[in-house]
N, C-alpha and C. Protein backbone atom coordinates (compact mmCIF):
# COMPACT_ATOMS: atom_id res chain seq x y z
N MET A 1 37.76 2.04 1.85
CA MET A 1 38.08 2.85 2.83
C MET A 1 36.37 3.21 2.77
N MET A 2 36.02 3.84 4.55
CA MET A 2 34.10 4.29 4.42
C MET A 2 34.21 5.79 3.86
N THR A 3 33.30 6.24 3.66
CA THR A 3 33.16 7.45 3.23
C THR A 3 32.06 8.20 4.16
N GLU A 4 31.98 9.43 4.70
CA GLU A 4 31.62 9.47 5.85
C GLU A 4 30.17 9.93 5.61
N ASN A 5 28.77 9.24 6.66
CA ASN A 5 28.13 9.17 6.53
C ASN A 5 26.53 11.07 6.40
N THR A 6 25.92 10.65 5.69
CA THR A 6 25.17 11.90 5.07
C THR A 6 23.85 11.58 5.45
N SER A 7 23.15 12.86 5.71
CA SER A 7 21.74 12.11 6.12
C SER A 7 20.27 11.66 5.24
N SER A 8 21.04 11.67 4.42
CA SER A 8 20.50 10.64 2.99
C SER A 8 21.39 9.33 3.14
N ASP A 9 21.69 8.83 4.15
CA ASP A 9 22.14 7.51 3.95
C ASP A 9 21.46 6.36 4.90
N PRO A 10 20.66 5.65 4.94
CA PRO A 10 19.78 4.82 5.42
C PRO A 10 20.44 4.38 7.18
N LEU A 11 21.21 3.87 7.01
CA LEU A 11 21.93 4.37 8.62
C LEU A 11 22.08 5.37 9.37
N SER A 12 22.32 6.43 8.80
CA SER A 12 22.53 7.70 8.98
C SER A 12 21.07 8.25 10.11
N ARG A 13 20.65 8.49 8.67
CA ARG A 13 19.01 8.41 9.26
C ARG A 13 18.58 8.19 10.39
N GLN A 14 18.30 6.76 10.96
CA GLN A 14 18.74 5.24 11.73
C GLN A 14 19.46 5.75 13.03
N ALA A 15 20.79 6.41 12.95
CA ALA A 15 20.90 6.65 13.95
C ALA A 15 20.38 7.94 14.97
N GLN A 16 19.79 9.00 13.65
CA GLN A 16 19.58 10.26 14.05
C GLN A 16 18.20 9.64 14.83
N LEU A 17 17.18 8.88 13.90
CA LEU A 17 16.04 8.35 14.83
C LEU A 17 16.29 8.00 16.45
N PHE A 18 16.93 7.09 16.60
CA PHE A 18 18.17 6.19 17.84
C PHE A 18 18.22 7.53 19.04
N LYS A 19 18.50 8.71 18.59
CA LYS A 19 19.22 9.58 18.97
C LYS A 19 17.97 10.20 20.01
N LEU A 20 17.06 10.03 19.11
CA LEU A 20 15.90 10.90 19.76
C LEU A 20 15.32 10.00 20.74
N PHE A 21 15.59 9.14 20.96
CA PHE A 21 15.19 7.74 21.74
C PHE A 21 15.38 8.42 22.75
N THR A 22 17.33 8.51 23.09
CA THR A 22 18.01 8.77 24.04
C THR A 22 17.46 9.94 25.23
N HIS A 23 16.51 10.29 24.82
CA HIS A 23 16.34 11.68 25.81
C HIS A 23 15.30 11.01 26.68
N PRO A 24 15.41 11.38 28.15
CA PRO A 24 14.29 10.61 28.74
C PRO A 24 12.70 11.94 29.12
N ALA A 25 13.14 12.36 28.81
CA ALA A 25 11.72 14.10 28.65
C ALA A 25 11.04 13.26 27.15
N ARG A 26 11.67 12.86 26.48
CA ARG A 26 11.49 13.03 25.06
C ARG A 26 10.17 10.86 24.78
N LEU A 27 11.14 9.97 25.56
CA LEU A 27 10.23 8.76 26.25
C LEU A 27 9.35 9.36 26.30
N ALA A 28 8.82 9.61 27.77
CA ALA A 28 8.20 10.34 28.54
C ALA A 28 6.90 10.68 27.89
N ILE A 29 7.18 11.50 26.91
CA ILE A 29 5.76 12.18 25.60
C ILE A 29 5.36 10.89 24.62
N LEU A 30 6.93 10.55 24.95
CA LEU A 30 5.95 9.24 22.91
C LEU A 30 4.78 8.04 24.29
N GLU A 31 5.68 7.79 25.43
CA GLU A 31 4.25 7.11 25.99
C GLU A 31 3.20 7.91 26.98
N GLU A 32 3.50 8.68 27.05
CA GLU A 32 2.09 9.44 27.62
C GLU A 32 0.57 9.60 26.12
N LEU A 33 1.96 10.17 25.20
CA LEU A 33 0.99 10.33 23.82
C LEU A 33 0.37 9.08 23.26
N ARG A 34 1.02 7.55 23.82
CA ARG A 34 0.47 6.60 23.02
C ARG A 34 -0.64 6.21 23.56
N ARG A 35 -0.99 6.67 25.01
CA ARG A 35 -2.49 6.79 25.32
C ARG A 35 -3.35 6.82 24.70
N ASP A 36 -3.29 8.54 24.59
CA ASP A 36 -4.37 9.23 24.01
C ASP A 36 -3.65 10.75 23.50
N GLU A 37 -4.47 11.19 22.43
CA GLU A 37 -3.73 12.67 22.23
C GLU A 37 -3.37 13.37 23.59
N ALA A 38 -2.85 14.78 23.07
CA ALA A 38 -2.47 15.28 24.34
C ALA A 38 -2.51 16.99 24.28
N CYS A 39 -2.51 17.67 25.03
CA CYS A 39 -2.17 19.25 24.49
C CYS A 39 -0.58 19.52 25.60
N VAL A 40 -0.22 20.79 26.07
CA VAL A 40 1.40 20.60 26.46
C VAL A 40 0.82 20.51 28.07
N CYS A 41 -0.27 21.02 28.23
CA CYS A 41 -1.18 21.87 29.63
C CYS A 41 -1.43 20.02 30.01
N HIS A 42 -2.14 18.83 29.40
CA HIS A 42 -2.07 18.28 30.15
C HIS A 42 -0.31 17.52 30.16
N LEU A 43 0.48 17.54 28.96
CA LEU A 43 1.77 16.94 29.09
C LEU A 43 2.36 17.61 30.29
N GLU A 44 2.31 19.01 31.03
CA GLU A 44 2.58 19.10 31.37
C GLU A 44 2.25 18.65 33.12
N ALA A 45 1.05 18.38 32.92
CA ALA A 45 0.11 18.53 34.34
C ALA A 45 1.08 16.18 34.69
N ALA A 46 0.72 16.01 33.66
CA ALA A 46 1.57 14.39 33.51
C ALA A 46 2.81 14.16 33.84
N LEU A 47 3.24 14.91 33.38
CA LEU A 47 4.63 14.42 33.59
C LEU A 47 5.45 15.02 34.46
N GLY A 48 5.17 16.47 34.71
CA GLY A 48 5.63 17.60 36.20
C GLY A 48 6.85 18.07 34.88
N LEU A 49 7.00 18.58 34.31
CA LEU A 49 7.49 19.03 34.07
C LEU A 49 6.97 20.50 33.36
N ARG A 50 7.76 21.54 32.73
CA ARG A 50 7.47 23.24 32.36
C ARG A 50 7.01 22.97 31.54
N GLN A 51 6.10 23.82 30.81
CA GLN A 51 5.69 23.67 29.13
C GLN A 51 6.59 24.37 28.69
N ALA A 52 7.82 25.14 28.35
CA ALA A 52 8.43 25.78 28.19
C ALA A 52 9.71 24.71 27.73
N TYR A 53 9.77 23.63 28.23
CA TYR A 53 10.95 23.13 28.34
C TYR A 53 9.76 21.89 27.25
N LEU A 54 8.94 21.32 27.25
CA LEU A 54 8.11 19.89 26.66
C LEU A 54 8.22 21.04 25.58
N SER A 55 7.51 21.74 25.36
CA SER A 55 7.10 22.82 23.85
C SER A 55 8.20 22.37 23.17
N GLN A 56 9.78 22.21 24.03
CA GLN A 56 11.16 22.18 22.48
C GLN A 56 11.19 20.99 22.98
N GLN A 57 11.03 19.92 23.33
CA GLN A 57 10.77 18.54 22.72
C GLN A 57 9.98 18.30 21.89
N LEU A 58 8.94 18.33 22.52
CA LEU A 58 7.55 18.26 20.84
C LEU A 58 7.69 19.45 19.72
N ALA A 59 9.12 20.32 20.09
CA ALA A 59 9.69 20.85 18.59
C ALA A 59 10.34 19.27 17.71
N VAL A 60 10.68 19.22 18.77
CA VAL A 60 12.21 18.14 17.81
C VAL A 60 11.53 16.70 17.94
N LEU A 61 10.74 16.38 18.68
CA LEU A 61 10.04 14.93 18.03
C LEU A 61 8.84 15.39 16.59
N ARG A 62 8.36 16.78 16.81
CA ARG A 62 7.23 17.22 15.47
C ARG A 62 8.16 16.82 14.17
N ALA A 63 9.32 18.03 14.52
CA ALA A 63 10.53 17.94 12.97
C ALA A 63 11.05 16.81 12.83
N ALA A 64 11.31 15.26 13.77
CA ALA A 64 11.40 13.97 13.23
C ALA A 64 10.42 13.44 12.05
N GLY A 65 9.38 14.01 12.75
CA GLY A 65 8.25 13.14 11.51
C GLY A 65 7.51 12.03 12.83
N LEU A 66 7.36 12.68 14.21
CA LEU A 66 7.30 11.59 14.93
C LEU A 66 6.14 11.73 15.55
N LEU A 67 5.08 12.83 15.80
CA LEU A 67 4.18 13.52 16.12
C LEU A 67 3.90 13.81 15.34
N LEU A 68 1.80 13.67 15.23
CA LEU A 68 0.74 14.76 14.17
C LEU A 68 0.35 16.42 15.98
N ASP A 69 0.56 16.67 14.87
CA ASP A 69 -0.44 17.79 15.94
C ASP A 69 -1.10 18.44 14.77
N ARG A 70 -2.62 19.13 15.85
CA ARG A 70 -3.78 19.81 15.61
C ARG A 70 -4.12 20.66 16.72
N ARG A 71 -4.84 21.84 15.50
CA ARG A 71 -5.09 23.41 16.70
C ARG A 71 -6.43 22.74 16.79
N ASP A 72 -6.47 23.27 17.97
CA ASP A 72 -8.37 23.34 18.46
C ASP A 72 -8.34 25.19 19.11
N GLY A 73 -9.11 25.78 18.34
CA GLY A 73 -8.41 27.03 19.87
C GLY A 73 -7.60 27.09 19.11
N TRP A 74 -7.22 27.92 20.96
CA TRP A 74 -6.01 28.39 21.39
C TRP A 74 -4.90 26.59 21.32
N ASN A 75 -5.46 26.13 21.58
CA ASN A 75 -4.48 24.40 22.03
C ASN A 75 -4.18 23.74 21.30
N VAL A 76 -2.72 23.35 21.00
CA VAL A 76 -2.40 22.61 19.96
C VAL A 76 -2.66 21.04 20.86
N TYR A 77 -2.74 20.06 19.97
CA TYR A 77 -2.78 18.78 20.41
C TYR A 77 -2.26 18.03 19.44
N TYR A 78 -1.13 16.91 19.69
CA TYR A 78 -0.25 15.99 20.05
C TYR A 78 -0.63 14.69 19.40
N SER A 79 -0.16 13.78 18.86
CA SER A 79 -0.71 12.70 19.19
C SER A 79 0.97 11.96 17.92
């Protein structure tokens, strides 16, 4: 009998990671950041998405450990 997956289960963690990649905006952000680090204002111009929406998606990717961020003055740069 199978037990319910928990977040500590390697397959469950892997499934959660794959779920992050099913969102088109997140994929676009990651593709843009593959080229070079960028701030939200750069991503907004490059992807044509609103700043608030990008910030939400960046927070999801950062919480999953897929992004690094650094502050430079008022700007936060993601890589």
